[in-house]
Amino acid sequence: MAAGLAALAALSAVAANAGPRGPHFVDVRADFVVRLDDRVLRLRVHEFQLDTDGASAEVRAERLREEVLSSMPMVATLADGIVTAAFATQDYAWPSAVASWRYNPVQKPADLEGEVAVLEAAAESWHGLGGAPFTFTYGGATAAPVSTCPGAGSVDGVNTVGWGALTGSTLARTCVWFGGSGDPSDAVEFDMQIDPGWEWTLGEPVRTDYFTVIAHEFGHALGLGHTGEGGECPGSLMCATYQSGTTLDGPQFDDIAGLVSIYGGDPPTPTPSVSPSPSPSAEPSGTPSPSVTPTATVTTTPTPPPSARLATLPLLSRD
């Protein structure tokens, strides 16, 4: 316990080089329900969108809903939930507290080297925090596509982290399929899609920090939502916004408390933290491909008829 608290106390936000503020990104969420053959699934999409017009959260969510509906005619919209806790959990968790993932480097930026080690570090940054037993395990390279995210709408049995252009000036998107009658439901598969059009950096000078964004996405993959009211933002890894030019060295107090609430362990003791400060602005390399950083959470309901829980979901009209 003492060692765990000492490790927790060592976690702190790391400020990047001082400089002008770079682009500001906002994480947007939308929920859907999907009927695939004999299954009723839920899909949750989180996107890190570039803030170009100061639009409200409601407007951004509506834009995301329209985009997904236009690309996936089989889905219908679902009313969004409201987050009030300092940390927020999703409706799913990995039943064995282990999620294996693999990496597909196709379409990665040509000048990005050493990204695999950073991916592994981002996943491992969640291991053992607060005594939680959850772990990500890296299974090596794969040719499997990022198949579970909107547009593909399928599962292939491989949790893939890979690259691909995204719409809406989004940094990255994580899609999670989950289902069953438990509370939380069992996570079945996740894929993470990273837009190669941004100026990703693995060190200094910091532009769009690869580790910070990917560690955030792994947080969604394991079952966390965004830091809510009362949480420290900026400062927590699972905050719903990212300021280009900033870095964090891993999950912070609120993030760890959320992890423990899902998988058990010793709740962390609050420790002082330093808010990350922005540094040189991150410019997309070339014209930024519309990106989406959604955490698409697809709820897999393996039984042919919809479960009682899904049957009561507030479906909205799909116009």
C-alpha atoms as a PDB file:
ATOM      1  CA  MET A   1       0.000   0.000   0.000  1.00  0.00           C
ATOM      2  CA  ALA A   2       2.782   2.431   0.959  1.00  0.00           C
ATOM      3  CA  ALA A   3       4.626   1.641  -2.240  1.00  0.00           C
ATOM      4  CA  GLY A   4       1.449   2.195  -4.234  1.00  0.00           C
ATOM      5  CA  LEU A   5       0.866   5.568  -2.611  1.00  0.00           C
ATOM      6  CA  ALA A   6       4.464   6.532  -3.187  1.00  0.00           C
ATOM      7  CA  ALA A   7       4.093   5.667  -6.854  1.00  0.00           C
ATOM      8  CA  LEU A   8       0.875   7.660  -6.986  1.00  0.00           C
ATOM      9  CA  ALA A   9       2.519  10.662  -5.369  1.00  0.00           C
ATOM     10  CA  ALA A  10       5.189  10.544  -8.042  1.00  0.00           C
ATOM     11  CA  LEU A  11       2.630  11.031 -10.794  1.00  0.00           C
ATOM     12  CA  SER A  12       2.391  14.641 -11.899  1.00  0.00           C
ATOM     13  CA  ALA A  13       1.603  16.637 -14.963  1.00  0.00           C
ATOM     14  CA  VAL A  14       4.630  17.512 -17.043  1.00  0.00           C
ATOM     15  CA  ALA A  15       4.626  20.886 -18.718  1.00  0.00           C
ATOM     16  CA  ALA A  16       5.951  21.121 -22.250  1.00  0.00           C
ATOM     17  CA  ASN A  17       8.102  23.941 -23.591  1.00  0.00           C
ATOM     18  CA  ALA A  18       6.600  27.326 -22.914  1.00  0.00           C
ATOM     19  CA  GLY A  19       5.205  29.078 -25.924  1.00  0.00           C
ATOM     20  CA  PRO A  20       2.036  30.268 -27.615  1.00  0.00           C
ATOM     21  CA  ARG A  21      -1.103  28.214 -27.210  1.00  0.00           C
ATOM     22  CA  GLY A  22      -1.664  25.633 -29.900  1.00  0.00           C
ATOM     23  CA  PRO A  23      -4.925  24.210 -31.214  1.00  0.00           C
ATOM     24  CA  HIS A  24      -7.513  23.206 -28.640  1.00  0.00           C
ATOM     25  CA  PHE A  25      -9.362  19.887 -28.945  1.00  0.00           C
ATOM     26  CA  VAL A  26     -12.693  18.923 -27.381  1.00  0.00           C
ATOM     27  CA  ASP A  27     -13.775  15.312 -26.771  1.00  0.00           C
ATOM     28  CA  VAL A  28     -17.360  14.810 -27.932  1.00  0.00           C
ATOM     29  CA  ARG A  29     -19.624  11.834 -27.207  1.00  0.00           C
ATOM     30  CA  ALA A  30     -22.675  10.388 -28.946  1.00  0.00           C
ATOM     31  CA  ASP A  31     -24.587   7.152 -28.321  1.00  0.00           C
ATOM     32  CA  PHE A  32     -26.342   4.861 -30.775  1.00  0.00           C
ATOM     33  CA  VAL A  33     -28.088   1.524 -30.924  1.00  0.00           C
ATOM     34  CA  VAL A  34     -27.294  -0.977 -33.688  1.00  0.00           C
ATOM     35  CA  ARG A  35     -29.133  -4.080 -34.853  1.00  0.00           C
ATOM     36  CA  LEU A  36     -26.762  -6.533 -36.549  1.00  0.00           C
ATOM     37  CA  ASP A  37     -28.367  -9.808 -37.599  1.00  0.00           C
ATOM     38  CA  ASP A  38     -29.571 -11.401 -34.363  1.00  0.00           C
ATOM     39  CA  ARG A  39     -27.767  -8.985 -32.050  1.00  0.00           C
ATOM     40  CA  VAL A  40     -28.717  -5.651 -30.549  1.00  0.00           C
ATOM     41  CA  LEU A  41     -25.601  -3.603 -29.881  1.00  0.00           C
ATOM     42  CA  ARG A  42     -24.845  -0.222 -28.409  1.00  0.00           C
ATOM     43  CA  LEU A  43     -22.256   2.037 -29.952  1.00  0.00           C
ATOM     44  CA  ARG A  44     -20.578   4.865 -28.068  1.00  0.00           C
ATOM     45  CA  VAL A  45     -18.402   7.251 -30.060  1.00  0.00           C
ATOM     46  CA  HIS A  46     -15.890   9.671 -28.548  1.00  0.00           C
ATOM     47  CA  GLU A  47     -13.991  12.103 -30.765  1.00  0.00           C
ATOM     48  CA  PHE A  48     -11.231  14.595 -29.998  1.00  0.00           C
ATOM     49  CA  GLN A  49     -12.417  17.392 -32.315  1.00  0.00           C
ATOM     50  CA  LEU A  50     -10.462  20.508 -33.203  1.00  0.00           C
ATOM     51  CA  ASP A  51     -12.239  23.541 -31.707  1.00  0.00           C
ATOM     52  CA  THR A  52     -12.508  25.894 -34.672  1.00  0.00           C
ATOM     53  CA  ASP A  53     -15.749  27.729 -33.936  1.00  0.00           C
ATOM     54  CA  GLY A  54     -16.393  27.573 -30.174  1.00  0.00           C
ATOM     55  CA  ALA A  55     -19.556  25.531 -30.720  1.00  0.00           C
ATOM     56  CA  SER A  56     -21.429  24.235 -27.673  1.00  0.00           C
ATOM     57  CA  ALA A  57     -21.217  20.628 -26.529  1.00  0.00           C
ATOM     58  CA  GLU A  58     -24.779  20.061 -27.744  1.00  0.00           C
ATOM     59  CA  VAL A  59     -23.981  21.356 -31.234  1.00  0.00           C
ATOM     60  CA  ARG A  60     -20.827  19.251 -31.447  1.00  0.00           C
ATOM     61  CA  ALA A  61     -22.689  16.130 -30.320  1.00  0.00           C
ATOM     62  CA  GLU A  62     -25.376  16.733 -32.938  1.00  0.00           C
ATOM     63  CA  ARG A  63     -22.740  17.096 -35.660  1.00  0.00           C
ATOM     64  CA  LEU A  64     -21.177  13.819 -34.583  1.00  0.00           C
ATOM     65  CA  ARG A  65     -24.550  12.083 -34.553  1.00  0.00           C
ATOM     66  CA  GLU A  66     -25.287  13.307 -38.090  1.00  0.00           C
ATOM     67  CA  GLU A  67     -21.888  12.109 -39.339  1.00  0.00           C
ATOM     68  CA  VAL A  68     -22.264   8.634 -37.873  1.00  0.00           C
ATOM     69  CA  LEU A  69     -25.862   8.300 -39.043  1.00  0.00           C
ATOM     70  CA  SER A  70     -24.861   9.234 -42.589  1.00  0.00           C
ATOM     71  CA  SER A  71     -22.117   6.593 -42.683  1.00  0.00           C
ATOM     72  CA  MET A  72     -23.963   3.835 -40.806  1.00  0.00           C
ATOM     73  CA  PRO A  73     -27.574   3.556 -42.007  1.00  0.00           C
ATOM     74  CA  MET A  74     -28.203   0.599 -39.678  1.00  0.00           C
ATOM     75  CA  VAL A  75     -27.927   2.643 -36.464  1.00  0.00           C
ATOM     76  CA  ALA A  76     -30.355   4.836 -34.548  1.00  0.00           C
ATOM     77  CA  THR A  77     -29.498   7.529 -32.029  1.00  0.00           C
ATOM     78  CA  LEU A  78     -29.619   7.182 -28.281  1.00  0.00           C
ATOM     79  CA  ALA A  79     -30.024   9.897 -25.675  1.00  0.00           C
ATOM     80  CA  ASP A  80     -26.751  11.021 -24.083  1.00  0.00           C
ATOM     81  CA  GLY A  81     -26.051  10.496 -20.396  1.00  0.00           C
ATOM     82  CA  ILE A  82     -24.964  13.235 -17.996  1.00  0.00           C
ATOM     83  CA  VAL A  83     -21.706  13.019 -16.083  1.00  0.00           C
ATOM     84  CA  THR A  84     -21.643  14.521 -12.598  1.00  0.00           C
ATOM     85  CA  ALA A  85     -18.851  12.686 -10.787  1.00  0.00           C
ATOM     86  CA  ALA A  86     -15.200  13.739 -10.678  1.00  0.00           C
ATOM     87  CA  PHE A  87     -14.490  10.647 -12.737  1.00  0.00           C
ATOM     88  CA  ALA A  88     -16.908   8.815 -14.993  1.00  0.00           C
ATOM     89  CA  THR A  89     -17.123   5.159 -15.963  1.00  0.00           C
ATOM     90  CA  GLN A  90     -18.674   3.635 -19.051  1.00  0.00           C
ATOM     91  CA  ASP A  91     -21.267   0.855 -19.198  1.00  0.00           C
ATOM     92  CA  TYR A  92     -18.654  -1.843 -19.763  1.00  0.00           C
ATOM     93  CA  ALA A  93     -15.565  -3.478 -18.280  1.00  0.00           C
ATOM     94  CA  TRP A  94     -13.262  -6.332 -19.278  1.00  0.00           C
ATOM     95  CA  PRO A  95     -14.501  -9.368 -17.315  1.00  0.00           C
ATOM     96  CA  SER A  96     -11.018 -10.843 -16.838  1.00  0.00           C
ATOM     97  CA  ALA A  97      -9.472  -7.400 -16.128  1.00  0.00           C
ATOM     98  CA  VAL A  98      -7.172  -8.028 -19.122  1.00  0.00           C
ATOM     99  CA  ALA A  99      -7.401  -6.635 -22.650  1.00  0.00           C
ATOM    100  CA  SER A 100      -4.921  -7.762 -25.301  1.00  0.00           C
ATOM    101  CA  TRP A 101      -4.240  -5.421 -28.228  1.00  0.00           C
ATOM    102  CA  ARG A 102      -2.224  -5.434 -31.438  1.00  0.00           C
ATOM    103  CA  TYR A 103      -0.786  -2.712 -33.670  1.00  0.00           C
ATOM    104  CA  ASN A 104      -1.267  -2.138 -37.402  1.00  0.00           C
ATOM    105  CA  PRO A 105       1.282   0.443 -38.647  1.00  0.00           C
ATOM    106  CA  VAL A 106      -0.226   0.838 -42.126  1.00  0.00           C
ATOM    107  CA  GLN A 107      -0.785   4.545 -42.965  1.00  0.00           C
ATOM    108  CA  LYS A 108       1.315   5.783 -40.058  1.00  0.00           C
ATOM    109  CA  PRO A 109       3.189   9.084 -40.671  1.00  0.00           C
ATOM    110  CA  ALA A 110       6.392   8.370 -42.595  1.00  0.00           C
ATOM    111  CA  ASP A 111       8.522  10.427 -40.198  1.00  0.00           C
ATOM    112  CA  LEU A 112       7.157   8.865 -36.999  1.00  0.00           C
ATOM    113  CA  GLU A 113       9.674   6.430 -35.516  1.00  0.00           C
ATOM    114  CA  GLY A 114       9.607   4.664 -32.162  1.00  0.00           C
ATOM    115  CA  GLU A 115       5.830   4.913 -31.831  1.00  0.00           C
ATOM    116  CA  VAL A 116       5.385   1.253 -30.832  1.00  0.00           C
ATOM    117  CA  ALA A 117       7.350   1.715 -27.613  1.00  0.00           C
ATOM    118  CA  VAL A 118       5.255   4.790 -26.821  1.00  0.00           C
ATOM    119  CA  LEU A 119       2.035   2.879 -27.521  1.00  0.00           C
ATOM    120  CA  GLU A 120       3.138   0.175 -25.099  1.00  0.00           C
ATOM    121  CA  ALA A 121       4.082   2.787 -22.490  1.00  0.00           C
ATOM    122  CA  ALA A 122       0.687   4.502 -22.871  1.00  0.00           C
ATOM    123  CA  ALA A 123      -1.131   1.210 -22.303  1.00  0.00           C
ATOM    124  CA  GLU A 124       1.131   0.192 -19.429  1.00  0.00           C
ATOM    125  CA  SER A 125       0.690   3.565 -17.721  1.00  0.00           C
ATOM    126  CA  TRP A 126      -2.626   2.186 -16.403  1.00  0.00           C
ATOM    127  CA  HIS A 127      -1.146  -1.000 -14.926  1.00  0.00           C
ATOM    128  CA  GLY A 128      -1.401  -1.568 -11.173  1.00  0.00           C
ATOM    129  CA  LEU A 129      -2.475   1.950 -10.276  1.00  0.00           C
ATOM    130  CA  GLY A 130      -4.320   2.104  -6.962  1.00  0.00           C
ATOM    131  CA  GLY A 131      -3.878  -1.660  -6.659  1.00  0.00           C
ATOM    132  CA  ALA A 132      -6.311  -2.279  -9.549  1.00  0.00           C
ATOM    133  CA  PRO A 133      -5.635  -5.644 -11.226  1.00  0.00           C
ATOM    134  CA  PHE A 134      -6.357  -4.425 -14.771  1.00  0.00           C
ATOM    135  CA  THR A 135      -3.692  -4.834 -17.473  1.00  0.00           C
ATOM    136  CA  PHE A 136      -3.340  -4.300 -21.205  1.00  0.00           C
ATOM    137  CA  THR A 137      -1.172  -6.866 -22.977  1.00  0.00           C
ATOM    138  CA  TYR A 138       0.545  -6.179 -26.290  1.00  0.00           C
ATOM    139  CA  GLY A 139       0.233  -9.020 -28.795  1.00  0.00           C
ATOM    140  CA  GLY A 140       2.525  -7.646 -31.506  1.00  0.00           C
ATOM    141  CA  ALA A 141       1.880  -6.421 -35.028  1.00  0.00           C
ATOM    142  CA  THR A 142      -1.225  -7.331 -37.018  1.00  0.00           C
ATOM    143  CA  ALA A 143      -2.681  -6.833 -40.478  1.00  0.00           C
ATOM    144  CA  ALA A 144      -6.189  -6.656 -38.996  1.00  0.00           C
ATOM    145  CA  PRO A 145      -7.958  -3.391 -39.812  1.00  0.00           C
ATOM    146  CA  VAL A 146      -9.557  -1.000 -37.375  1.00  0.00           C
ATOM    147  CA  SER A 147     -12.875  -2.662 -38.103  1.00  0.00           C
ATOM    148  CA  THR A 148     -15.192  -1.834 -35.224  1.00  0.00           C
ATOM    149  CA  CYS A 149     -15.388   1.936 -35.695  1.00  0.00           C
ATOM    150  CA  PRO A 150     -18.258   3.639 -37.559  1.00  0.00           C
ATOM    151  CA  GLY A 151     -18.222   2.880 -41.252  1.00  0.00           C
ATOM    152  CA  ALA A 152     -17.230  -0.753 -40.774  1.00  0.00           C
ATOM    153  CA  GLY A 153     -19.662  -1.811 -38.090  1.00  0.00           C
ATOM    154  CA  SER A 154     -18.266  -5.261 -37.431  1.00  0.00           C
ATOM    155  CA  VAL A 155     -16.090  -7.199 -35.009  1.00  0.00           C
ATOM    156  CA  ASP A 156     -13.167  -9.391 -36.024  1.00  0.00           C
ATOM    157  CA  GLY A 157     -11.898 -10.655 -32.677  1.00  0.00           C
ATOM    158  CA  VAL A 158      -8.805  -8.446 -32.673  1.00  0.00           C
ATOM    159  CA  ASN A 159      -8.347  -5.314 -30.543  1.00  0.00           C
ATOM    160  CA  THR A 160      -6.473  -3.222 -33.096  1.00  0.00           C
ATOM    161  CA  VAL A 161      -4.671   0.092 -32.695  1.00  0.00           C
ATOM    162  CA  GLY A 162      -4.012   1.588 -36.107  1.00  0.00           C
ATOM    163  CA  TRP A 163      -4.088   4.583 -38.413  1.00  0.00           C
ATOM    164  CA  GLY A 164      -6.635   6.112 -40.747  1.00  0.00           C
ATOM    165  CA  ALA A 165      -7.933   9.513 -41.772  1.00  0.00           C
ATOM    166  CA  LEU A 166     -10.847  10.742 -39.657  1.00  0.00           C
ATOM    167  CA  THR A 167     -13.462  13.370 -40.340  1.00  0.00           C
ATOM    168  CA  GLY A 168     -14.275  16.433 -38.273  1.00  0.00           C
ATOM    169  CA  SER A 169     -10.691  17.490 -37.448  1.00  0.00           C
ATOM    170  CA  THR A 170     -10.389  14.690 -34.914  1.00  0.00           C
ATOM    171  CA  LEU A 171      -7.182  13.346 -33.408  1.00  0.00           C
ATOM    172  CA  ALA A 172      -8.213   9.774 -32.625  1.00  0.00           C
ATOM    173  CA  ARG A 173     -11.223   7.518 -32.142  1.00  0.00           C
ATOM    174  CA  THR A 174     -11.761   4.490 -29.907  1.00  0.00           C
ATOM    175  CA  CYS A 175     -14.666   2.134 -30.552  1.00  0.00           C
ATOM    176  CA  VAL A 176     -15.714  -0.473 -27.997  1.00  0.00           C
ATOM    177  CA  TRP A 177     -18.244  -3.256 -28.464  1.00  0.00           C
ATOM    178  CA  PHE A 178     -19.860  -4.606 -25.309  1.00  0.00           C
ATOM    179  CA  GLY A 179     -22.927  -6.516 -24.259  1.00  0.00           C
ATOM    180  CA  GLY A 180     -24.588  -8.941 -21.918  1.00  0.00           C
ATOM    181  CA  SER A 181     -26.922  -8.498 -18.980  1.00  0.00           C
ATOM    182  CA  GLY A 182     -24.295  -7.653 -16.358  1.00  0.00           C
ATOM    183  CA  ASP A 183     -23.693  -4.236 -14.845  1.00  0.00           C
ATOM    184  CA  PRO A 184     -21.305  -3.223 -16.198  1.00  0.00           C
ATOM    185  CA  SER A 185     -21.653  -5.176 -19.441  1.00  0.00           C
ATOM    186  CA  ASP A 186     -18.770  -7.296 -20.678  1.00  0.00           C
ATOM    187  CA  ALA A 187     -16.435  -5.564 -23.117  1.00  0.00           C
ATOM    188  CA  VAL A 188     -15.992  -7.721 -26.223  1.00  0.00           C
ATOM    189  CA  GLU A 189     -13.631  -5.826 -28.519  1.00  0.00           C
ATOM    190  CA  PHE A 190     -12.083  -2.392 -29.028  1.00  0.00           C
ATOM    191  CA  ASP A 191     -10.315  -0.695 -31.900  1.00  0.00           C
ATOM    192  CA  MET A 192      -8.429   2.604 -31.824  1.00  0.00           C
ATOM    193  CA  GLN A 193      -8.005   4.705 -34.967  1.00  0.00           C
ATOM    194  CA  ILE A 194      -5.423   7.506 -35.014  1.00  0.00           C
ATOM    195  CA  ASP A 195      -5.463  10.219 -37.679  1.00  0.00           C
ATOM    196  CA  PRO A 196      -2.001  10.459 -39.333  1.00  0.00           C
ATOM    197  CA  GLY A 197      -2.652  14.008 -40.569  1.00  0.00           C
ATOM    198  CA  TRP A 198      -1.588  15.699 -37.338  1.00  0.00           C
ATOM    199  CA  GLU A 199       1.923  16.613 -36.249  1.00  0.00           C
ATOM    200  CA  TRP A 200       2.392  13.813 -33.725  1.00  0.00           C
ATOM    201  CA  THR A 201       5.445  14.140 -31.486  1.00  0.00           C
ATOM    202  CA  LEU A 202       7.133  11.633 -29.180  1.00  0.00           C
ATOM    203  CA  GLY A 203       9.320  14.160 -27.363  1.00  0.00           C
ATOM    204  CA  GLU A 204      10.227  17.822 -27.410  1.00  0.00           C
ATOM    205  CA  PRO A 205       9.353  20.199 -28.885  1.00  0.00           C
ATOM    206  CA  VAL A 206       5.811  19.037 -28.177  1.00  0.00           C
ATOM    207  CA  ARG A 207       3.150  19.525 -30.796  1.00  0.00           C
ATOM    208  CA  THR A 208       0.408  16.901 -30.504  1.00  0.00           C
ATOM    209  CA  ASP A 209       1.731  14.615 -27.793  1.00  0.00           C
ATOM    210  CA  TYR A 210       1.334  11.002 -28.892  1.00  0.00           C
ATOM    211  CA  PHE A 211       1.655   9.484 -25.421  1.00  0.00           C
ATOM    212  CA  THR A 212      -0.903  11.775 -23.746  1.00  0.00           C
ATOM    213  CA  VAL A 213      -3.594  11.350 -26.405  1.00  0.00           C
ATOM    214  CA  ILE A 214      -3.122   7.580 -26.726  1.00  0.00           C
ATOM    215  CA  ALA A 215      -3.071   7.020 -22.944  1.00  0.00           C
ATOM    216  CA  HIS A 216      -6.403   8.919 -22.844  1.00  0.00           C
ATOM    217  CA  GLU A 217      -7.806   6.627 -25.547  1.00  0.00           C
ATOM    218  CA  PHE A 218      -6.645   3.510 -23.678  1.00  0.00           C
ATOM    219  CA  GLY A 219      -8.560   4.913 -20.693  1.00  0.00           C
ATOM    220  CA  HIS A 220     -11.733   4.799 -22.782  1.00  0.00           C
ATOM    221  CA  ALA A 221     -10.868   1.285 -23.938  1.00  0.00           C
ATOM    222  CA  LEU A 222     -10.669  -0.025 -20.361  1.00  0.00           C
ATOM    223  CA  GLY A 223     -13.978   1.536 -19.359  1.00  0.00           C
ATOM    224  CA  LEU A 224     -13.496   5.179 -18.340  1.00  0.00           C
ATOM    225  CA  GLY A 225     -15.460   8.190 -19.504  1.00  0.00           C
ATOM    226  CA  HIS A 226     -14.396  11.798 -19.088  1.00  0.00           C
ATOM    227  CA  THR A 227     -13.468  13.656 -15.921  1.00  0.00           C
ATOM    228  CA  GLY A 228     -16.666  15.325 -14.761  1.00  0.00           C
ATOM    229  CA  GLU A 229     -17.582  18.329 -12.673  1.00  0.00           C
ATOM    230  CA  GLY A 230     -15.409  18.584  -9.600  1.00  0.00           C
ATOM    231  CA  GLY A 231     -12.462  16.974 -11.334  1.00  0.00           C
ATOM    232  CA  GLU A 232      -9.216  18.738 -12.165  1.00  0.00           C
ATOM    233  CA  CYS A 233      -9.263  19.918 -15.786  1.00  0.00           C
ATOM    234  CA  PRO A 234      -6.802  20.577 -17.199  1.00  0.00           C
ATOM    235  CA  GLY A 235      -4.706  18.204 -15.132  1.00  0.00           C
ATOM    236  CA  SER A 236      -6.448  14.817 -15.389  1.00  0.00           C
ATOM    237  CA  LEU A 237      -5.692  12.446 -18.249  1.00  0.00           C
ATOM    238  CA  MET A 238      -9.386  11.751 -18.911  1.00  0.00           C
ATOM    239  CA  CYS A 239     -10.382  15.409 -19.279  1.00  0.00           C
ATOM    240  CA  ALA A 240     -12.647  15.959 -22.269  1.00  0.00           C
ATOM    241  CA  THR A 241     -10.287  18.481 -23.869  1.00  0.00           C
ATOM    242  CA  TYR A 242      -6.681  18.437 -25.041  1.00  0.00           C
ATOM    243  CA  GLN A 243      -4.533  21.541 -25.583  1.00  0.00           C
ATOM    244  CA  SER A 244      -1.822  21.018 -28.195  1.00  0.00           C
ATOM    245  CA  GLY A 245       1.667  21.392 -26.803  1.00  0.00           C
ATOM    246  CA  THR A 246       0.848  19.840 -23.414  1.00  0.00           C
ATOM    247  CA  THR A 247       1.855  16.515 -21.907  1.00  0.00           C
ATOM    248  CA  LEU A 248       0.927  14.340 -18.948  1.00  0.00           C
ATOM    249  CA  ASP A 249       3.122  11.532 -17.662  1.00  0.00           C
ATOM    250  CA  GLY A 250       0.181   9.194 -17.074  1.00  0.00           C
ATOM    251  CA  PRO A 251      -3.144   8.851 -15.242  1.00  0.00           C
ATOM    252  CA  GLN A 252      -3.689  11.288 -12.369  1.00  0.00           C
ATOM    253  CA  PHE A 253      -5.714  11.096  -9.147  1.00  0.00           C
ATOM    254  CA  ASP A 254      -9.216  11.245 -10.676  1.00  0.00           C
ATOM    255  CA  ASP A 255      -8.212   8.808 -13.406  1.00  0.00           C
ATOM    256  CA  ILE A 256      -6.869   6.291 -10.890  1.00  0.00           C
ATOM    257  CA  ALA A 257      -9.969   6.631  -8.703  1.00  0.00           C
ATOM    258  CA  GLY A 258     -12.082   5.793 -11.751  1.00  0.00           C
ATOM    259  CA  LEU A 259      -9.929   2.762 -12.575  1.00  0.00           C
ATOM    260  CA  VAL A 260     -10.277   1.463  -9.003  1.00  0.00           C
ATOM    261  CA  SER A 261     -14.046   1.999  -9.072  1.00  0.00           C
ATOM    262  CA  ILE A 262     -14.290  -0.393 -12.041  1.00  0.00           C
ATOM    263  CA  TYR A 263     -11.748  -3.103 -11.200  1.00  0.00           C
ATOM    264  CA  GLY A 264     -11.214  -2.752  -7.453  1.00  0.00           C
ATOM    265  CA  GLY A 265      -8.094  -1.900  -5.481  1.00  0.00           C
ATOM    266  CA  ASP A 266      -7.148   0.752  -2.947  1.00  0.00           C
ATOM    267  CA  PRO A 267      -8.700   4.177  -3.612  1.00  0.00           C
ATOM    268  CA  PRO A 268      -5.886   6.708  -4.123  1.00  0.00           C
ATOM    269  CA  THR A 269      -5.157   9.528  -1.687  1.00  0.00           C
ATOM    270  CA  PRO A 270      -5.300  12.992  -3.285  1.00  0.00           C
ATOM    271  CA  THR A 271      -1.892  14.522  -3.951  1.00  0.00           C
ATOM    272  CA  PRO A 272      -0.992  17.981  -5.273  1.00  0.00           C
ATOM    273  CA  SER A 273      -0.681  18.068  -9.027  1.00  0.00           C
ATOM    274  CA  VAL A 274       0.635  20.546 -11.542  1.00  0.00           C
ATOM    275  CA  SER A 275      -1.598  21.665 -14.364  1.00  0.00           C
ATOM    276  CA  PRO A 276      -0.020  21.094 -17.765  1.00  0.00           C
ATOM    277  CA  SER A 277       0.958  24.266 -19.581  1.00  0.00           C
ATOM    278  CA  PRO A 278       0.745  24.631 -23.343  1.00  0.00           C
ATOM    279  CA  SER A 279       3.671  24.962 -25.668  1.00  0.00           C
ATOM    280  CA  PRO A 280       4.238  25.562 -29.373  1.00  0.00           C
ATOM    281  CA  SER A 281       1.110  25.198 -31.431  1.00  0.00           C
ATOM    282  CA  ALA A 282       0.550  21.927 -33.222  1.00  0.00           C
ATOM    283  CA  GLU A 283      -0.219  22.300 -36.880  1.00  0.00           C
ATOM    284  CA  PRO A 284      -1.642  19.457 -38.924  1.00  0.00           C
ATOM    285  CA  SER A 285       0.893  18.194 -41.446  1.00  0.00           C
ATOM    286  CA  GLY A 286      -0.613  19.332 -44.675  1.00  0.00           C
ATOM    287  CA  THR A 287      -4.362  19.639 -44.642  1.00  0.00           C
ATOM    288  CA  PRO A 288      -5.674  17.879 -41.546  1.00  0.00           C
ATOM    289  CA  SER A 289      -7.754  14.936 -42.504  1.00  0.00           C
ATOM    290  CA  PRO A 290     -11.105  15.192 -40.838  1.00  0.00           C
ATOM    291  CA  SER A 291     -10.424  13.279 -37.717  1.00  0.00           C
ATOM    292  CA  VAL A 292     -12.558  11.750 -35.118  1.00  0.00           C
ATOM    293  CA  THR A 293     -11.381  10.852 -31.688  1.00  0.00           C
ATOM    294  CA  PRO A 294     -14.440   9.016 -30.706  1.00  0.00           C
ATOM    295  CA  THR A 295     -14.502   6.265 -28.319  1.00  0.00           C
ATOM    296  CA  ALA A 296     -17.083   4.234 -30.093  1.00  0.00           C
ATOM    297  CA  THR A 297     -18.518   1.994 -27.495  1.00  0.00           C
ATOM    298  CA  VAL A 298     -20.560  -0.683 -29.138  1.00  0.00           C
ATOM    299  CA  THR A 299     -22.620  -2.721 -26.772  1.00  0.00           C
ATOM    300  CA  THR A 300     -22.878  -6.291 -27.816  1.00  0.00           C
ATOM    301  CA  THR A 301     -26.049  -7.996 -26.735  1.00  0.00           C
ATOM    302  CA  PRO A 302     -25.298 -11.584 -27.714  1.00  0.00           C
ATOM    303  CA  THR A 303     -28.814 -12.887 -27.154  1.00  0.00           C
ATOM    304  CA  PRO A 304     -31.081 -12.680 -30.226  1.00  0.00           C
ATOM    305  CA  PRO A 305     -33.897 -10.743 -28.554  1.00  0.00           C
ATOM    306  CA  PRO A 306     -32.963  -7.367 -27.020  1.00  0.00           C
ATOM    307  CA  SER A 307     -32.266  -7.567 -23.321  1.00  0.00           C
ATOM    308  CA  ALA A 308     -34.654  -5.871 -20.941  1.00  0.00           C
ATOM    309  CA  ARG A 309     -32.043  -3.210 -20.390  1.00  0.00           C
ATOM    310  CA  LEU A 310     -31.711  -2.441 -24.072  1.00  0.00           C
ATOM    311  CA  ALA A 311     -35.452  -2.637 -24.636  1.00  0.00           C
ATOM    312  CA  THR A 312     -35.946   0.331 -22.332  1.00  0.00           C
ATOM    313  CA  LEU A 313     -33.290   2.550 -23.939  1.00  0.00           C
ATOM    314  CA  PRO A 314     -34.728   5.909 -25.018  1.00  0.00           C
ATOM    315  CA  LEU A 315     -34.474   5.606 -28.799  1.00  0.00           C
ATOM    316  CA  LEU A 316     -34.755   8.822 -30.742  1.00  0.00           C
ATOM    317  CA  SER A 317     -36.183   9.081 -34.216  1.00  0.00           C
ATOM    318  CA  ARG A 318     -33.723   8.527 -37.033  1.00  0.00           C
ATOM    319  CA  ASP A 319     -34.618  11.235 -39.565  1.00  0.00           C
END
